[in-house]
Amino acid sequence: MKRILFVLSMLFFSASSHSADGYYDSSGNALPEITNWMSYLPGRRLLSNISMFGVHHLQLKDNYSIESSHNGLKLYPLLKSGARYVDISFQHLADQLIIDGHFHGKFIMKCLQYGRIGCARKDTKFTAIRACNGSYCPTIDKVRNTNTNGDGLFDGFQKLEAVVADLVKFVKEYPSETLLLRLSISDDSFGNTSSFENKMEQLINRYSDHFWIPNTNDPMLRDIRGQIVILDDTKTNPTVAFGLNFNLFNVHDSFYMNTNFDLYSHWEDIKTQLNSACELHYRNGRERPISECMKSFKGNKINYLTGGGGSFSYFVASGKSSPGNYAPRLITGYTSLISPNTYPDFPRISCFLGTCTIAFAGTNELTMNYIIKHQPSYVGIIVADYPGHCLISNVIFTNFSGKFVQSQNRGRYLCKE
């Protein structure tokens, strides 16, 4: 009877506090810096052969500092911590290229089209009324006449140029590196007197020394060091390209989850993309290590670990009950006694008399552990929310021999939690 009560108690409560270096919440210490890791790569390495970590959907908040979505990590420190891929969605409004923020993004069009009062009437929710009042609801003239950085525009929005300025600052400071900038544009546009293409050309020309001009679909690293490579996903004019076509890349991005219990199938999709980045080969009926696939991998892979919708983004990244670094894992309600084969990649914890609780694990930790287990030589571009040091560094270290890793990581081959 006591054993049954113990098992039931494990089913309905969170597990004990847990910290994983694949996950990071900004309330903790700053991430370690890995500023010039590309300087150790040979110049003839093709872009399609380079694994790198990426951040997505940046937005500007509060004091107009650039922050990555959800976890409040500023862009420039993330670049210094090893990220080399930046995913930006923006809108063309009132002759400005404005970053498409998550929270207030849907209200700017209502403000410009209907004014402050009309905007609030379109959506009576409290958040909408707040967003449609005061500085949250700019006029077309206010948007059009903001300065280069967009200071004073309104909370939750900033110009694309502010992001580009940070990227240029980084490649000037670390000329051995290259940055990939995926650009996608919202279908919404309003109050424009010039085309989106003209605005993009003006922006690129302003920083022309630091934007790579495409002359191949797969450049060598030596040709793009100190440069920003645009991955063009704007799809506005097929005759105008601002960089590499984003469609050249094989992308996994199954973002939406209905409930927390979709996390495992979400992870399986991510793992399928990881496996395809370095194809598994078989010899005499036995699986060869993924690390042997360097000569046969399929490059240009992008793998988004992110998720949301019916689940909180921090849960998708961490499997935790709350965003904190030391928050407990949520448990699935399954045990190894009743369901030994359920969620095989999720951790077994709080074991007692041979029965363990099956807990959730986030996509960041699962991907980090995948790299530790298989030691692949290529994983592609890994994009995540709440990235921890070990996730970032393990993605980077797939590019190198053990000698580099040991010299950069205090003698350890791969970073573990």
Protein backbone atom coordinates (compact mmCIF):
# COMPACT_ATOMS: atom_id res chain seq x y z
CA MET A 1 0.00 0.00 0.00
CA LYS A 2 2.82 2.42 0.85
CA ARG A 3 4.46 1.71 -2.50
CA ILE A 4 1.20 2.49 -4.34
CA LEU A 5 0.84 5.79 -2.48
CA PHE A 6 4.44 6.68 -3.31
CA VAL A 7 3.94 5.97 -7.01
CA LEU A 8 0.74 8.03 -7.03
CA SER A 9 2.51 10.94 -5.36
CA MET A 10 5.09 10.89 -8.17
CA LEU A 11 2.33 11.09 -10.76
CA PHE A 12 0.79 14.36 -9.67
CA PHE A 13 3.65 16.55 -8.54
CA SER A 14 6.66 18.10 -10.18
CA ALA A 15 9.99 16.40 -9.75
CA SER A 16 12.70 17.95 -7.62
CA SER A 17 14.56 21.01 -8.88
CA HIS A 18 16.76 20.40 -11.88
CA SER A 19 19.36 22.40 -13.77
CA ALA A 20 20.45 21.52 -17.30
CA ASP A 21 23.11 23.44 -19.22
CA GLY A 22 21.12 23.02 -22.41
CA TYR A 23 18.62 25.49 -20.97
CA TYR A 24 19.16 29.01 -19.66
CA ASP A 25 16.88 31.64 -18.21
CA SER A 26 18.21 35.19 -18.14
CA SER A 27 17.73 35.44 -14.37
CA GLY A 28 20.95 33.44 -14.03
CA ASN A 29 24.56 34.37 -14.72
CA ALA A 30 25.71 35.50 -18.17
CA LEU A 31 26.52 32.83 -20.73
CA PRO A 32 30.23 32.13 -21.31
CA GLU A 33 31.72 33.75 -24.39
CA ILE A 34 32.85 31.83 -27.51
CA THR A 35 33.63 34.83 -29.68
CA ASN A 36 35.86 33.64 -32.52
CA TRP A 37 35.26 29.93 -32.95
CA MET A 38 35.09 30.23 -36.74
CA SER A 39 38.72 31.37 -36.79
CA TYR A 40 39.64 27.72 -36.12
CA LEU A 41 37.80 26.50 -39.22
CA PRO A 42 39.64 26.21 -42.54
CA GLY A 43 38.78 28.94 -45.01
CA ARG A 44 37.81 26.41 -47.67
CA ARG A 45 35.03 24.95 -45.50
CA LEU A 46 31.72 25.34 -47.33
CA LEU A 47 28.87 27.13 -45.63
CA SER A 48 26.69 24.05 -46.07
CA ASN A 49 29.23 22.06 -44.02
CA ILE A 50 29.20 24.31 -40.96
CA SER A 51 27.08 23.59 -37.90
CA MET A 52 26.04 26.65 -35.94
CA PHE A 53 23.63 27.80 -33.27
CA GLY A 54 20.89 30.33 -34.00
CA VAL A 55 18.34 32.60 -32.33
CA HIS A 56 14.94 33.51 -33.71
CA HIS A 57 12.27 36.19 -33.83
CA LEU A 58 14.14 39.01 -32.20
CA GLN A 59 12.28 41.95 -30.78
CA LEU A 60 13.16 45.22 -29.09
CA LYS A 61 11.69 46.04 -25.74
CA ASP A 62 11.70 48.56 -22.92
CA ASN A 63 14.89 50.59 -23.38
CA TYR A 64 15.10 49.60 -27.07
CA SER A 65 17.77 46.98 -26.51
CA ILE A 66 17.57 43.99 -28.78
CA GLU A 67 16.38 40.84 -27.06
CA SER A 68 15.70 37.35 -28.32
CA SER A 69 12.20 36.05 -27.90
CA HIS A 70 10.86 34.87 -24.58
CA ASN A 71 13.96 34.73 -22.40
CA GLY A 72 15.29 38.28 -22.47
CA LEU A 73 18.76 37.45 -23.77
CA LYS A 74 20.21 40.42 -25.63
CA LEU A 75 21.38 39.81 -29.16
CA TYR A 76 24.97 41.01 -28.96
CA PRO A 77 25.88 38.87 -25.91
CA LEU A 78 24.30 35.89 -27.67
CA LEU A 79 26.56 36.47 -30.66
CA LYS A 80 29.54 36.63 -28.31
CA SER A 81 28.33 33.37 -26.74
CA GLY A 82 28.60 31.61 -30.10
CA ALA A 83 25.33 32.19 -32.01
CA ARG A 84 25.86 32.83 -35.73
CA TYR A 85 22.34 32.59 -37.19
CA VAL A 86 19.67 35.24 -36.59
CA ASP A 87 16.04 34.84 -37.68
CA ILE A 88 14.12 38.11 -38.10
CA SER A 89 10.51 38.66 -39.10
CA PHE A 90 9.49 42.23 -39.87
CA GLN A 91 6.78 44.43 -41.34
CA HIS A 92 6.89 47.22 -43.93
CA LEU A 93 4.85 50.00 -42.36
CA ALA A 94 4.83 53.75 -42.98
CA ASP A 95 8.05 53.46 -45.03
CA GLN A 96 9.85 51.70 -42.18
CA LEU A 97 11.08 48.13 -41.79
CA ILE A 98 9.87 47.32 -38.29
CA ILE A 99 10.61 44.14 -36.37
CA ASP A 100 7.50 42.05 -35.95
CA GLY A 101 7.13 41.83 -32.15
CA HIS A 102 5.29 38.94 -30.50
CA PHE A 103 3.04 40.75 -28.02
CA HIS A 104 1.98 43.99 -29.67
CA GLY A 105 2.65 42.98 -33.26
CA LYS A 106 -0.96 42.58 -34.31
CA PHE A 107 -1.96 46.03 -33.01
CA ILE A 108 0.27 48.26 -35.12
CA MET A 109 -1.85 47.69 -38.22
CA LYS A 110 -5.02 48.51 -36.28
CA CYS A 111 -3.42 51.67 -34.93
CA LEU A 112 -2.34 52.88 -38.35
CA GLN A 113 -5.59 51.93 -40.05
CA TYR A 114 -8.19 52.83 -37.43
CA GLY A 115 -6.46 55.21 -35.01
CA ARG A 116 -6.30 54.89 -31.26
CA ILE A 117 -10.04 54.65 -30.57
CA GLY A 118 -10.82 52.47 -33.56
CA CYS A 119 -7.98 50.14 -32.66
CA ALA A 120 -9.39 49.52 -29.17
CA ARG A 121 -12.86 48.94 -30.57
CA LYS A 122 -11.54 46.21 -32.88
CA ASP A 123 -10.47 44.12 -29.90
CA THR A 124 -12.03 44.68 -26.48
CA LYS A 125 -9.54 42.54 -24.55
CA PHE A 126 -7.62 44.43 -21.88
CA THR A 127 -4.26 43.84 -23.55
CA ALA A 128 -5.62 45.23 -26.81
CA ILE A 129 -7.04 48.33 -25.14
CA ARG A 130 -3.69 48.94 -23.43
CA ALA A 131 -1.81 48.42 -26.68
CA CYS A 132 -4.10 50.84 -28.51
CA ASN A 133 -3.59 53.72 -26.09
CA GLY A 134 -0.81 56.21 -25.44
CA SER A 135 2.61 55.51 -26.89
CA TYR A 136 1.51 52.01 -27.91
CA CYS A 137 -0.52 53.40 -30.79
CA PRO A 138 1.56 55.59 -33.12
CA THR A 139 0.36 57.57 -36.07
CA ILE A 140 1.73 57.05 -39.58
CA ASP A 141 3.72 60.28 -39.32
CA LYS A 142 5.24 59.23 -36.01
CA VAL A 143 6.38 55.92 -37.49
CA ARG A 144 7.67 57.52 -40.67
CA ASN A 145 9.66 60.21 -38.85
CA THR A 146 11.41 58.14 -36.21
CA ASN A 147 15.20 58.26 -36.21
CA THR A 148 17.56 55.53 -37.38
CA ASN A 149 17.17 53.43 -34.24
CA GLY A 150 13.48 54.13 -33.93
CA ASP A 151 13.84 55.59 -30.41
CA GLY A 152 10.51 56.61 -28.96
CA LEU A 153 8.52 54.61 -31.49
CA PHE A 154 6.53 52.49 -29.06
CA ASP A 155 6.99 49.56 -26.73
CA GLY A 156 7.69 46.21 -28.35
CA PHE A 157 8.88 47.51 -31.74
CA GLN A 158 12.06 48.68 -33.36
CA LYS A 159 13.53 49.10 -36.79
CA LEU A 160 15.30 46.32 -38.62
CA GLU A 161 18.30 48.61 -38.93
CA ALA A 162 18.90 48.36 -35.17
CA VAL A 163 19.44 44.61 -35.57
CA VAL A 164 21.66 45.08 -38.61
CA ALA A 165 23.76 47.63 -36.71
CA ASP A 166 24.43 45.05 -33.99
CA LEU A 167 25.38 42.42 -36.56
CA VAL A 168 27.74 44.83 -38.32
CA LYS A 169 29.31 45.79 -35.00
CA PHE A 170 29.99 42.13 -34.29
CA VAL A 171 31.60 41.20 -37.61
CA LYS A 172 33.76 44.33 -37.41
CA GLU A 173 34.94 43.33 -33.94
CA TYR A 174 35.40 39.66 -34.91
CA PRO A 175 36.33 39.59 -38.63
CA SER A 176 37.01 35.83 -38.61
CA GLU A 177 33.29 35.18 -38.14
CA THR A 178 30.30 35.23 -40.44
CA LEU A 179 26.66 35.79 -39.54
CA LEU A 180 23.59 34.40 -41.27
CA LEU A 181 20.50 36.62 -41.25
CA ARG A 182 17.22 35.04 -42.25
CA LEU A 183 14.72 37.71 -43.26
CA SER A 184 11.00 37.08 -43.60
CA ILE A 185 8.35 39.76 -44.03
CA SER A 186 4.79 39.85 -42.76
CA ASP A 187 2.03 40.04 -45.35
CA ASP A 188 0.76 43.16 -43.60
CA SER A 189 1.87 46.51 -44.99
CA PHE A 190 0.36 49.96 -44.67
CA GLY A 191 1.09 53.64 -45.27
CA ASN A 192 4.08 53.14 -47.58
CA THR A 193 5.19 55.54 -50.31
CA SER A 194 8.17 53.42 -51.42
CA SER A 195 8.51 49.72 -52.11
CA PHE A 196 9.88 47.20 -49.67
CA GLU A 197 12.64 46.39 -52.17
CA ASN A 198 13.80 50.02 -52.21
CA LYS A 199 13.95 50.13 -48.40
CA MET A 200 15.97 46.92 -48.28
CA GLU A 201 18.39 48.16 -50.93
CA GLN A 202 18.91 51.38 -48.98
CA LEU A 203 19.65 49.42 -45.82
CA ILE A 204 22.07 47.05 -47.53
CA ASN A 205 23.83 49.91 -49.32
CA ARG A 206 24.28 51.72 -46.01
CA TYR A 207 26.31 48.76 -44.73
CA SER A 208 27.54 47.48 -48.08
CA ASP A 209 31.05 46.64 -46.80
CA HIS A 210 29.57 44.03 -44.49
CA PHE A 211 26.92 42.33 -46.61
CA TRP A 212 28.06 39.43 -48.78
CA ILE A 213 27.06 39.73 -52.44
CA PRO A 214 26.00 36.26 -53.64
CA ASN A 215 28.04 34.68 -56.42
CA THR A 216 27.40 31.05 -55.49
CA ASN A 217 24.79 29.07 -53.58
CA ASP A 218 27.42 27.57 -51.27
CA PRO A 219 30.26 29.99 -50.48
CA MET A 220 33.50 29.07 -48.77
CA LEU A 221 34.04 30.47 -45.31
CA ARG A 222 37.05 32.49 -46.43
CA ASP A 223 34.79 34.44 -48.81
CA ILE A 224 32.23 35.36 -46.15
CA ARG A 225 34.40 36.06 -43.09
CA GLY A 226 33.54 39.46 -41.66
CA GLN A 227 30.31 39.44 -43.68
CA ILE A 228 26.58 39.09 -43.11
CA VAL A 229 24.93 36.51 -45.36
CA ILE A 230 21.24 37.15 -45.90
CA LEU A 231 18.95 34.14 -46.23
CA ASP A 232 16.13 35.72 -48.20
CA ASP A 233 12.70 34.43 -47.21
CA THR A 234 10.76 37.57 -48.11
CA LYS A 235 9.08 36.08 -51.21
CA THR A 236 7.89 39.50 -52.34
CA ASN A 237 9.50 39.75 -55.77
CA PRO A 238 10.97 36.63 -57.43
CA THR A 239 13.22 38.79 -59.62
CA VAL A 240 14.88 40.51 -56.63
CA ALA A 241 17.12 38.53 -54.24
CA PHE A 242 18.95 40.07 -51.30
CA GLY A 243 21.05 37.00 -50.53
CA LEU A 244 20.82 33.23 -50.65
CA ASN A 245 17.36 31.87 -51.27
CA PHE A 246 16.07 30.42 -48.01
CA ASN A 247 14.47 27.61 -50.00
CA LEU A 248 17.96 26.20 -50.58
CA PHE A 249 17.85 24.98 -46.99
CA ASN A 250 16.08 21.91 -45.66
CA VAL A 251 14.14 23.24 -42.68
CA HIS A 252 12.32 21.57 -39.81
CA ASP A 253 10.04 24.03 -38.01
CA SER A 254 6.98 22.27 -36.55
CA PHE A 255 6.26 24.98 -34.00
CA TYR A 256 2.67 24.44 -32.87
CA MET A 257 1.83 22.08 -30.00
CA ASN A 258 -1.70 21.46 -28.74
CA THR A 259 -0.69 20.33 -25.26
CA ASN A 260 2.41 19.51 -23.23
CA PHE A 261 1.98 15.87 -24.20
CA ASP A 262 2.86 16.75 -27.80
CA LEU A 263 6.43 17.39 -26.63
CA TYR A 264 7.70 13.89 -27.34
CA SER A 265 6.38 13.79 -30.93
CA HIS A 266 7.83 17.28 -31.36
CA TRP A 267 11.20 15.92 -30.22
CA GLU A 268 10.90 12.96 -32.60
CA ASP A 269 10.52 15.38 -35.52
CA ILE A 270 13.62 17.23 -34.33
CA LYS A 271 15.54 13.97 -33.96
CA THR A 272 14.55 12.90 -37.46
CA GLN A 273 16.09 16.11 -38.79
CA LEU A 274 19.23 15.53 -36.71
CA ASN A 275 19.53 12.01 -38.11
CA SER A 276 19.05 13.21 -41.67
CA ALA A 277 21.76 15.85 -41.23
CA CYS A 278 24.22 12.98 -40.88
CA GLU A 279 22.63 9.97 -42.47
CA LEU A 280 22.90 6.67 -40.67
CA HIS A 281 24.71 3.99 -42.63
CA TYR A 282 24.62 0.27 -42.15
CA ARG A 283 27.35 -2.32 -42.54
CA ASN A 284 26.63 -6.06 -42.23
CA GLY A 285 23.25 -5.22 -40.76
CA ARG A 286 24.71 -3.09 -37.97
CA GLU A 287 24.33 0.64 -37.54
CA ARG A 288 27.52 2.65 -37.95
CA PRO A 289 28.21 5.59 -35.64
CA ILE A 290 26.83 8.90 -36.85
CA SER A 291 30.33 10.33 -36.39
CA GLU A 292 31.46 8.36 -39.47
CA CYS A 293 29.12 10.20 -41.83
CA MET A 294 31.18 13.31 -42.61
CA LYS A 295 31.70 12.40 -46.26
CA SER A 296 28.07 11.53 -46.89
CA PHE A 297 26.03 14.00 -44.85
CA LYS A 298 23.38 16.15 -46.42
CA GLY A 299 24.12 19.79 -45.62
CA ASN A 300 22.07 22.98 -45.48
CA LYS A 301 19.92 21.72 -42.61
CA ILE A 302 18.08 24.05 -40.25
CA ASN A 303 16.40 22.57 -37.19
CA TYR A 304 14.11 24.66 -34.98
CA LEU A 305 13.86 23.28 -31.43
CA THR A 306 11.24 25.90 -30.57
CA GLY A 307 7.58 25.30 -29.92
CA GLY A 308 4.49 26.94 -28.50
CA GLY A 309 0.78 27.42 -28.93
CA GLY A 310 -0.78 25.13 -26.34
CA SER A 311 2.46 24.97 -24.35
CA PHE A 312 4.71 27.61 -22.87
CA SER A 313 7.92 28.14 -24.83
CA TYR A 314 10.05 27.63 -21.70
CA PHE A 315 8.40 24.23 -21.18
CA VAL A 316 9.18 23.15 -24.75
CA ALA A 317 12.81 24.16 -24.24
CA SER A 318 13.22 22.72 -20.74
CA GLY A 319 10.39 20.40 -19.71
CA LYS A 320 10.21 22.46 -16.52
CA SER A 321 7.27 23.65 -14.47
CA SER A 322 8.39 27.31 -14.61
CA PRO A 323 11.05 29.35 -16.45
CA GLY A 324 13.71 29.39 -13.71
CA ASN A 325 17.04 27.66 -14.24
CA TYR A 326 16.49 25.43 -11.19
CA ALA A 327 12.75 24.86 -11.59
CA PRO A 328 11.59 21.25 -11.24
CA ARG A 329 10.75 19.11 -14.21
CA LEU A 330 7.11 18.39 -14.92
CA ILE A 331 6.32 14.70 -14.78
CA THR A 332 4.36 12.84 -17.44
CA GLY A 333 2.17 10.72 -15.16
CA TYR A 334 3.78 7.53 -16.45
CA THR A 335 6.10 5.21 -14.54
CA SER A 336 8.61 2.63 -15.68
CA LEU A 337 6.59 -0.06 -13.90
CA ILE A 338 3.39 0.45 -15.91
CA SER A 339 4.78 1.99 -19.11
CA PRO A 340 8.44 0.99 -19.47
CA ASN A 341 8.59 1.75 -23.21
CA THR A 342 6.76 5.10 -23.13
CA TYR A 343 8.80 8.17 -24.07
CA PRO A 344 12.12 6.30 -24.19
CA ASP A 345 14.25 9.47 -24.50
CA PHE A 346 12.64 11.16 -21.49
CA PRO A 347 14.49 10.77 -18.17
CA ARG A 348 13.60 8.23 -15.50
CA ILE A 349 13.84 9.90 -12.10
CA SER A 350 12.89 9.45 -8.43
CA CYS A 351 13.33 5.69 -8.64
CA PHE A 352 12.10 3.59 -5.72
CA LEU A 353 12.15 -0.22 -5.49
CA GLY A 354 12.79 -0.45 -9.23
CA THR A 355 9.98 1.91 -10.24
CA CYS A 356 10.88 5.28 -11.74
CA THR A 357 8.87 8.33 -12.66
CA ILE A 358 9.04 9.33 -16.33
CA ALA A 359 9.60 13.09 -16.45
CA PHE A 360 9.46 15.55 -19.31
CA ALA A 361 12.69 16.77 -20.90
CA GLY A 362 12.92 19.84 -23.10
CA THR A 363 14.13 19.93 -26.68
CA ASN A 364 17.28 21.84 -25.68
CA GLU A 365 18.40 19.16 -23.24
CA LEU A 366 17.40 16.30 -25.55
CA THR A 367 19.38 17.81 -28.44
CA MET A 368 22.38 18.46 -26.20
CA ASN A 369 22.30 14.83 -25.02
CA TYR A 370 21.89 13.57 -28.59
CA ILE A 371 25.13 15.31 -29.56
CA ILE A 372 26.91 13.94 -26.49
CA LYS A 373 25.74 10.40 -27.24
CA HIS A 374 26.34 10.28 -31.00
CA GLN A 375 29.10 12.90 -31.44
CA PRO A 376 28.01 13.74 -34.99
CA SER A 377 30.29 15.72 -37.25
CA TYR A 378 27.41 17.81 -38.59
CA VAL A 379 24.04 18.86 -37.15
CA GLY A 380 23.27 21.89 -39.30
CA ILE A 381 21.86 25.10 -37.88
CA ILE A 382 20.15 24.56 -34.51
CA VAL A 383 17.71 27.31 -33.50
CA ALA A 384 16.35 27.45 -29.95
CA ASP A 385 14.76 29.54 -27.24
CA TYR A 386 16.41 29.69 -23.81
CA PRO A 387 19.76 28.31 -25.03
CA GLY A 388 22.19 27.13 -22.38
CA HIS A 389 25.97 27.11 -22.68
CA CYS A 390 26.26 23.36 -23.27
CA LEU A 391 23.71 23.36 -26.08
CA ILE A 392 25.47 26.22 -27.87
CA SER A 393 28.98 24.88 -27.36
CA ASN A 394 28.12 21.29 -28.30
CA VAL A 395 26.58 22.45 -31.58
CA ILE A 396 29.75 24.45 -32.29
CA PHE A 397 32.08 21.62 -31.33
CA THR A 398 30.60 19.26 -33.93
CA ASN A 399 32.66 21.26 -36.45
CA PHE A 400 36.00 20.38 -34.85
CA SER A 401 38.40 17.67 -33.84
CA GLY A 402 38.78 16.66 -30.23
CA LYS A 403 42.01 18.67 -30.02
CA PHE A 404 40.20 21.97 -30.54
CA VAL A 405 37.43 21.00 -28.16
CA GLN A 406 39.85 20.05 -25.42
CA SER A 407 41.74 23.33 -25.73
CA GLN A 408 38.57 25.40 -25.69
CA ASN A 409 36.55 23.42 -23.15
CA ARG A 410 38.93 22.72 -20.26
CA GLY A 411 39.97 19.30 -21.42
CA ARG A 412 36.48 17.86 -21.90
CA TYR A 413 35.38 16.57 -25.28
CA LEU A 414 31.78 17.68 -24.98
CA CYS A 415 30.04 19.89 -22.47
CA LYS A 416 27.68 17.99 -20.17
CA GLU A 417 25.14 19.16 -17.64
